Amino acid sequence: MEKLDFKKTYKDYYSAKQTSELLAFQPIPYLMISGKGEPGGSEFQQATEALFPLAYGIKKICKLQGKDFGVPALEGLWWTESNKPAAEVPRSEWHWKLMIRMPDFADKEMLKTALAEVMKKKKNPLLNNVSFETLHEEKCVQILHIGAYSQEQPTIDLMYDFMKKQNLKHNGLHHEIYLSDPRKTKPELLKTIIRQPVK
């Protein structure tokens, strides 16, 4: 049975340079869960612990149907309800939507089936908050950040400078793809794709 490797199949999506570049993406399905609070906080952790078991549950269902895939990296959309830059807003006031990309052959019915199975083993109250949604960001500017999450601002500034020079405006939420596992990688070596939908 062939196993879908997202990084190999969707190289443009899972790779970036340390200089800003402009790309375009088609509609993409994800598992998603929304919340509020600092990155790595208790709700954030609980949300992550709801997402991954369901992603693996869908993987199991697909495998039984003869279509396997490797569960890809965690992603996040970030925003605040303030007019100030995010860096000037307390992290406790940050809003996020955590996501895991799904293959095109997965669907909402698989999430329902996976949810019923996962809930037999796990008592995470956020499991019911996970949804199966499609996101279409279309045109995006992206850049690769290497280093701690808390040190992203200079990289974001580079991306914004590029957008200004290209006369591009925000057209969606700040998007991050966490290529590294923070449990196994030193903070200074973490790799994160930072992506901004534009128009």
C-alpha atoms as a PDB file:
ATOM      1  CA  MET A   1       0.000   0.000   0.000  1.00  0.00           C
ATOM      2  CA  GLU A   2       1.386   3.371  -1.000  1.00  0.00           C
ATOM      3  CA  LYS A   3       1.617   5.890   1.852  1.00  0.00           C
ATOM      4  CA  LEU A   4       1.036   9.585   1.153  1.00  0.00           C
ATOM      5  CA  ASP A   5       4.010  11.637   2.345  1.00  0.00           C
ATOM      6  CA  PHE A   6       2.773  15.235   2.543  1.00  0.00           C
ATOM      7  CA  LYS A   7       6.276  16.743   2.556  1.00  0.00           C
ATOM      8  CA  LYS A   8       7.224  14.951  -0.659  1.00  0.00           C
ATOM      9  CA  THR A   9       3.890  15.323  -2.451  1.00  0.00           C
ATOM     10  CA  TYR A  10       3.350  18.982  -1.486  1.00  0.00           C
ATOM     11  CA  LYS A  11       6.926  20.320  -1.455  1.00  0.00           C
ATOM     12  CA  ASP A  12       5.836  23.927  -2.013  1.00  0.00           C
ATOM     13  CA  TYR A  13       3.561  23.748   1.003  1.00  0.00           C
ATOM     14  CA  TYR A  14       6.090  22.275   3.435  1.00  0.00           C
ATOM     15  CA  SER A  15       9.263  24.096   2.394  1.00  0.00           C
ATOM     16  CA  ALA A  16      10.314  27.736   2.544  1.00  0.00           C
ATOM     17  CA  LYS A  17      13.416  29.892   2.235  1.00  0.00           C
ATOM     18  CA  GLN A  18      14.813  32.386   4.712  1.00  0.00           C
ATOM     19  CA  THR A  19      13.879  35.074   2.213  1.00  0.00           C
ATOM     20  CA  SER A  20      10.270  36.025   1.443  1.00  0.00           C
ATOM     21  CA  GLU A  21       8.529  34.479  -1.552  1.00  0.00           C
ATOM     22  CA  LEU A  22       5.069  34.602  -3.097  1.00  0.00           C
ATOM     23  CA  LEU A  23       3.058  31.403  -3.662  1.00  0.00           C
ATOM     24  CA  ALA A  24      -0.536  30.358  -4.325  1.00  0.00           C
ATOM     25  CA  PHE A  25      -2.479  27.411  -2.873  1.00  0.00           C
ATOM     26  CA  GLN A  26      -5.675  25.580  -3.748  1.00  0.00           C
ATOM     27  CA  PRO A  27      -8.386  24.797  -1.131  1.00  0.00           C
ATOM     28  CA  ILE A  28      -7.006  22.380   1.497  1.00  0.00           C
ATOM     29  CA  PRO A  29      -8.843  20.197   4.072  1.00  0.00           C
ATOM     30  CA  TYR A  30      -7.795  20.297   7.734  1.00  0.00           C
ATOM     31  CA  LEU A  31      -8.792  19.165  11.171  1.00  0.00           C
ATOM     32  CA  MET A  32      -9.194  22.388  13.181  1.00  0.00           C
ATOM     33  CA  ILE A  33      -9.777  23.515  16.735  1.00  0.00           C
ATOM     34  CA  SER A  34     -10.036  27.102  17.993  1.00  0.00           C
ATOM     35  CA  GLY A  35      -9.022  28.596  21.317  1.00  0.00           C
ATOM     36  CA  LYS A  36      -7.488  31.522  23.139  1.00  0.00           C
ATOM     37  CA  GLY A  37      -4.397  31.970  25.270  1.00  0.00           C
ATOM     38  CA  GLU A  38      -0.641  31.807  25.179  1.00  0.00           C
ATOM     39  CA  PRO A  39       1.165  29.335  22.909  1.00  0.00           C
ATOM     40  CA  GLY A  40       1.952  26.225  24.897  1.00  0.00           C
ATOM     41  CA  GLY A  41      -0.564  27.162  27.619  1.00  0.00           C
ATOM     42  CA  SER A  42      -2.927  24.621  29.171  1.00  0.00           C
ATOM     43  CA  GLU A  43      -5.780  25.117  26.648  1.00  0.00           C
ATOM     44  CA  PHE A  44      -3.295  25.079  23.769  1.00  0.00           C
ATOM     45  CA  GLN A  45      -1.839  21.778  25.024  1.00  0.00           C
ATOM     46  CA  GLN A  46      -5.284  20.274  25.527  1.00  0.00           C
ATOM     47  CA  ALA A  47      -6.284  21.311  22.002  1.00  0.00           C
ATOM     48  CA  THR A  48      -3.172  19.663  20.557  1.00  0.00           C
ATOM     49  CA  GLU A  49      -3.940  16.521  22.561  1.00  0.00           C
ATOM     50  CA  ALA A  50      -7.418  16.482  20.980  1.00  0.00           C
ATOM     51  CA  LEU A  51      -6.223  17.043  17.403  1.00  0.00           C
ATOM     52  CA  PHE A  52      -3.551  14.378  17.062  1.00  0.00           C
ATOM     53  CA  PRO A  53      -5.526  11.330  18.275  1.00  0.00           C
ATOM     54  CA  LEU A  54      -8.316  12.250  15.842  1.00  0.00           C
ATOM     55  CA  ALA A  55      -5.807  12.680  13.005  1.00  0.00           C
ATOM     56  CA  TYR A  56      -4.418   9.219  13.758  1.00  0.00           C
ATOM     57  CA  GLY A  57      -7.980   7.884  14.005  1.00  0.00           C
ATOM     58  CA  ILE A  58      -8.699   9.132  10.483  1.00  0.00           C
ATOM     59  CA  LYS A  59      -5.392   7.674   9.304  1.00  0.00           C
ATOM     60  CA  LYS A  60      -6.486   4.265  10.674  1.00  0.00           C
ATOM     61  CA  ILE A  61      -9.832   4.479   8.840  1.00  0.00           C
ATOM     62  CA  CYS A  62      -8.128   5.447   5.570  1.00  0.00           C
ATOM     63  CA  LYS A  63      -5.613   2.628   5.938  1.00  0.00           C
ATOM     64  CA  LEU A  64      -8.435   0.101   6.287  1.00  0.00           C
ATOM     65  CA  GLN A  65      -9.793   1.485   3.004  1.00  0.00           C
ATOM     66  CA  GLY A  66      -6.415   0.962   1.295  1.00  0.00           C
ATOM     67  CA  LYS A  67      -5.215   4.580   1.447  1.00  0.00           C
ATOM     68  CA  ASP A  68      -2.545   5.439   4.006  1.00  0.00           C
ATOM     69  CA  PHE A  69      -0.868   8.745   4.919  1.00  0.00           C
ATOM     70  CA  GLY A  70       1.689  10.058   7.377  1.00  0.00           C
ATOM     71  CA  VAL A  71       0.115  12.508   9.843  1.00  0.00           C
ATOM     72  CA  PRO A  72       1.740  15.861   9.005  1.00  0.00           C
ATOM     73  CA  ALA A  73       3.010  18.738  11.135  1.00  0.00           C
ATOM     74  CA  LEU A  74       0.902  20.884  13.444  1.00  0.00           C
ATOM     75  CA  GLU A  75      -0.109  24.296  12.060  1.00  0.00           C
ATOM     76  CA  GLY A  76      -1.703  27.371  13.569  1.00  0.00           C
ATOM     77  CA  LEU A  77      -3.628  30.466  12.535  1.00  0.00           C
ATOM     78  CA  TRP A  78      -3.141  33.400  14.904  1.00  0.00           C
ATOM     79  CA  TRP A  79      -4.930  36.712  15.496  1.00  0.00           C
ATOM     80  CA  THR A  80      -5.866  39.275  18.124  1.00  0.00           C
ATOM     81  CA  GLU A  81      -8.943  41.439  18.549  1.00  0.00           C
ATOM     82  CA  SER A  82      -6.796  44.522  19.121  1.00  0.00           C
ATOM     83  CA  ASN A  83      -5.656  47.147  16.632  1.00  0.00           C
ATOM     84  CA  LYS A  84      -2.140  46.847  18.079  1.00  0.00           C
ATOM     85  CA  PRO A  85       0.516  44.559  16.573  1.00  0.00           C
ATOM     86  CA  ALA A  86       0.334  41.060  18.091  1.00  0.00           C
ATOM     87  CA  ALA A  87       3.729  41.566  19.779  1.00  0.00           C
ATOM     88  CA  GLU A  88       2.189  44.397  21.845  1.00  0.00           C
ATOM     89  CA  VAL A  89      -0.829  42.349  22.955  1.00  0.00           C
ATOM     90  CA  PRO A  90      -0.562  40.079  26.044  1.00  0.00           C
ATOM     91  CA  ARG A  91      -0.146  36.479  24.930  1.00  0.00           C
ATOM     92  CA  SER A  92      -3.116  35.535  27.094  1.00  0.00           C
ATOM     93  CA  GLU A  93      -5.241  37.590  24.662  1.00  0.00           C
ATOM     94  CA  TRP A  94      -4.039  35.804  21.510  1.00  0.00           C
ATOM     95  CA  HIS A  95      -6.572  33.757  19.556  1.00  0.00           C
ATOM     96  CA  TRP A  96      -5.549  30.661  17.617  1.00  0.00           C
ATOM     97  CA  LYS A  97      -6.883  27.921  15.415  1.00  0.00           C
ATOM     98  CA  LEU A  98      -4.694  24.812  15.487  1.00  0.00           C
ATOM     99  CA  MET A  99      -4.787  22.617  12.399  1.00  0.00           C
ATOM    100  CA  ILE A 100      -3.543  19.351  10.915  1.00  0.00           C
ATOM    101  CA  ARG A 101      -3.723  18.976   7.153  1.00  0.00           C
ATOM    102  CA  MET A 102      -5.803  16.060   5.882  1.00  0.00           C
ATOM    103  CA  PRO A 103      -5.523  14.138   2.600  1.00  0.00           C
ATOM    104  CA  ASP A 104      -8.059  14.806  -0.148  1.00  0.00           C
ATOM    105  CA  PHE A 105      -9.510  11.309   0.381  1.00  0.00           C
ATOM    106  CA  ALA A 106     -10.521  12.056   4.003  1.00  0.00           C
ATOM    107  CA  ASP A 107     -13.917  13.566   4.888  1.00  0.00           C
ATOM    108  CA  LYS A 108     -16.198  14.728   7.709  1.00  0.00           C
ATOM    109  CA  GLU A 109     -17.783  11.285   8.137  1.00  0.00           C
ATOM    110  CA  MET A 110     -14.358   9.858   8.965  1.00  0.00           C
ATOM    111  CA  LEU A 111     -13.988  12.472  11.705  1.00  0.00           C
ATOM    112  CA  LYS A 112     -17.303  11.358  13.238  1.00  0.00           C
ATOM    113  CA  THR A 113     -16.186   7.722  13.207  1.00  0.00           C
ATOM    114  CA  ALA A 114     -12.746   8.565  14.608  1.00  0.00           C
ATOM    115  CA  LEU A 115     -14.297  10.747  17.320  1.00  0.00           C
ATOM    116  CA  ALA A 116     -16.522   7.893  18.551  1.00  0.00           C
ATOM    117  CA  GLU A 117     -13.473   5.610  18.813  1.00  0.00           C
ATOM    118  CA  VAL A 118     -11.136   8.134  20.440  1.00  0.00           C
ATOM    119  CA  MET A 119     -13.747   9.152  23.036  1.00  0.00           C
ATOM    120  CA  LYS A 120     -13.818   5.554  24.310  1.00  0.00           C
ATOM    121  CA  LYS A 121     -10.166   5.900  25.353  1.00  0.00           C
ATOM    122  CA  LYS A 122      -9.635   9.614  26.061  1.00  0.00           C
ATOM    123  CA  LYS A 123     -11.636  11.997  28.266  1.00  0.00           C
ATOM    124  CA  ASN A 124     -10.362  15.242  26.707  1.00  0.00           C
ATOM    125  CA  PRO A 125     -13.352  17.678  26.794  1.00  0.00           C
ATOM    126  CA  LEU A 126     -12.037  19.477  23.695  1.00  0.00           C
ATOM    127  CA  LEU A 127     -12.418  16.450  21.400  1.00  0.00           C
ATOM    128  CA  ASN A 128     -15.942  17.582  20.475  1.00  0.00           C
ATOM    129  CA  ASN A 129     -14.574  20.977  19.416  1.00  0.00           C
ATOM    130  CA  VAL A 130     -12.518  19.564  16.532  1.00  0.00           C
ATOM    131  CA  SER A 131     -14.002  20.212  13.091  1.00  0.00           C
ATOM    132  CA  PHE A 132     -13.215  19.151   9.535  1.00  0.00           C
ATOM    133  CA  GLU A 133     -12.901  22.300   7.398  1.00  0.00           C
ATOM    134  CA  THR A 134     -11.500  23.508   4.099  1.00  0.00           C
ATOM    135  CA  LEU A 135      -9.278  26.589   3.992  1.00  0.00           C
ATOM    136  CA  HIS A 136      -8.490  28.477   0.800  1.00  0.00           C
ATOM    137  CA  GLU A 137      -5.781  31.056   1.372  1.00  0.00           C
ATOM    138  CA  GLU A 138      -4.926  31.487  -2.339  1.00  0.00           C
ATOM    139  CA  LYS A 139      -2.027  33.943  -2.709  1.00  0.00           C
ATOM    140  CA  CYS A 140       0.454  33.959   0.209  1.00  0.00           C
ATOM    141  CA  VAL A 141       3.841  35.390   1.152  1.00  0.00           C
ATOM    142  CA  GLN A 142       5.965  33.045   3.242  1.00  0.00           C
ATOM    143  CA  ILE A 143       9.354  32.870   4.914  1.00  0.00           C
ATOM    144  CA  LEU A 144      11.256  30.304   7.002  1.00  0.00           C
ATOM    145  CA  HIS A 145      12.048  31.204  10.613  1.00  0.00           C
ATOM    146  CA  ILE A 146      14.845  29.289  12.336  1.00  0.00           C
ATOM    147  CA  GLY A 147      14.922  29.799  16.085  1.00  0.00           C
ATOM    148  CA  ALA A 148      12.666  30.107  19.116  1.00  0.00           C
ATOM    149  CA  TYR A 149       8.998  30.912  18.567  1.00  0.00           C
ATOM    150  CA  SER A 150       9.403  33.949  20.842  1.00  0.00           C
ATOM    151  CA  GLN A 151      12.055  35.339  18.459  1.00  0.00           C
ATOM    152  CA  GLU A 152       9.888  35.360  15.317  1.00  0.00           C
ATOM    153  CA  GLN A 153       9.292  39.116  15.083  1.00  0.00           C
ATOM    154  CA  PRO A 154      12.443  40.038  13.062  1.00  0.00           C
ATOM    155  CA  THR A 155      11.507  37.314  10.529  1.00  0.00           C
ATOM    156  CA  ILE A 156       7.924  38.578  10.386  1.00  0.00           C
ATOM    157  CA  ASP A 157       9.266  42.114   9.838  1.00  0.00           C
ATOM    158  CA  LEU A 158      11.272  40.866   6.829  1.00  0.00           C
ATOM    159  CA  MET A 159       8.106  39.370   5.373  1.00  0.00           C
ATOM    160  CA  TYR A 160       6.150  42.586   5.959  1.00  0.00           C
ATOM    161  CA  ASP A 161       8.906  44.634   4.292  1.00  0.00           C
ATOM    162  CA  PHE A 162       8.645  42.375   1.244  1.00  0.00           C
ATOM    163  CA  MET A 163       4.836  42.796   1.194  1.00  0.00           C
ATOM    164  CA  LYS A 164       5.191  46.583   1.380  1.00  0.00           C
ATOM    165  CA  LYS A 165       7.655  46.659  -1.529  1.00  0.00           C
ATOM    166  CA  GLN A 166       5.358  44.429  -3.593  1.00  0.00           C
ATOM    167  CA  ASN A 167       2.310  46.558  -2.671  1.00  0.00           C
ATOM    168  CA  LEU A 168       0.590  43.533  -1.072  1.00  0.00           C
ATOM    169  CA  LYS A 169      -1.961  43.744   1.732  1.00  0.00           C
ATOM    170  CA  HIS A 170      -3.088  41.260   4.411  1.00  0.00           C
ATOM    171  CA  ASN A 171      -5.892  38.995   3.207  1.00  0.00           C
ATOM    172  CA  GLY A 172      -6.234  36.421   5.969  1.00  0.00           C
ATOM    173  CA  LEU A 173      -4.804  35.225   9.260  1.00  0.00           C
ATOM    174  CA  HIS A 174      -1.143  34.860  10.243  1.00  0.00           C
ATOM    175  CA  HIS A 175      -0.314  31.184   9.526  1.00  0.00           C
ATOM    176  CA  GLU A 176       2.501  29.091  11.006  1.00  0.00           C
ATOM    177  CA  ILE A 177       3.634  25.540  10.157  1.00  0.00           C
ATOM    178  CA  TYR A 178       5.723  23.884  12.867  1.00  0.00           C
ATOM    179  CA  LEU A 179       8.228  21.726  10.988  1.00  0.00           C
ATOM    180  CA  SER A 180      10.176  20.789  14.145  1.00  0.00           C
ATOM    181  CA  ASP A 181       9.086  18.926  17.257  1.00  0.00           C
ATOM    182  CA  PRO A 182       9.776  21.322  20.173  1.00  0.00           C
ATOM    183  CA  ARG A 183      10.099  18.335  22.523  1.00  0.00           C
ATOM    184  CA  LYS A 184      13.094  17.038  20.557  1.00  0.00           C
ATOM    185  CA  THR A 185      14.642  20.205  19.068  1.00  0.00           C
ATOM    186  CA  LYS A 186      16.658  22.966  20.733  1.00  0.00           C
ATOM    187  CA  PRO A 187      14.813  26.323  20.596  1.00  0.00           C
ATOM    188  CA  GLU A 188      17.509  27.928  18.423  1.00  0.00           C
ATOM    189  CA  LEU A 189      17.108  25.143  15.808  1.00  0.00           C
ATOM    190  CA  LEU A 190      13.312  25.117  15.533  1.00  0.00           C
ATOM    191  CA  LYS A 191      12.060  25.525  11.953  1.00  0.00           C
ATOM    192  CA  THR A 192       8.756  27.333  11.380  1.00  0.00           C
ATOM    193  CA  ILE A 193       7.188  28.404   8.089  1.00  0.00           C
ATOM    194  CA  ILE A 194       5.491  31.773   8.557  1.00  0.00           C
ATOM    195  CA  ARG A 195       2.827  32.460   5.943  1.00  0.00           C
ATOM    196  CA  GLN A 196       0.583  35.454   5.323  1.00  0.00           C
ATOM    197  CA  PRO A 197      -2.328  35.424   2.846  1.00  0.00           C
ATOM    198  CA  VAL A 198      -2.225  38.568   0.716  1.00  0.00           C
ATOM    199  CA  LYS A 199      -4.033  40.426  -2.050  1.00  0.00           C
END
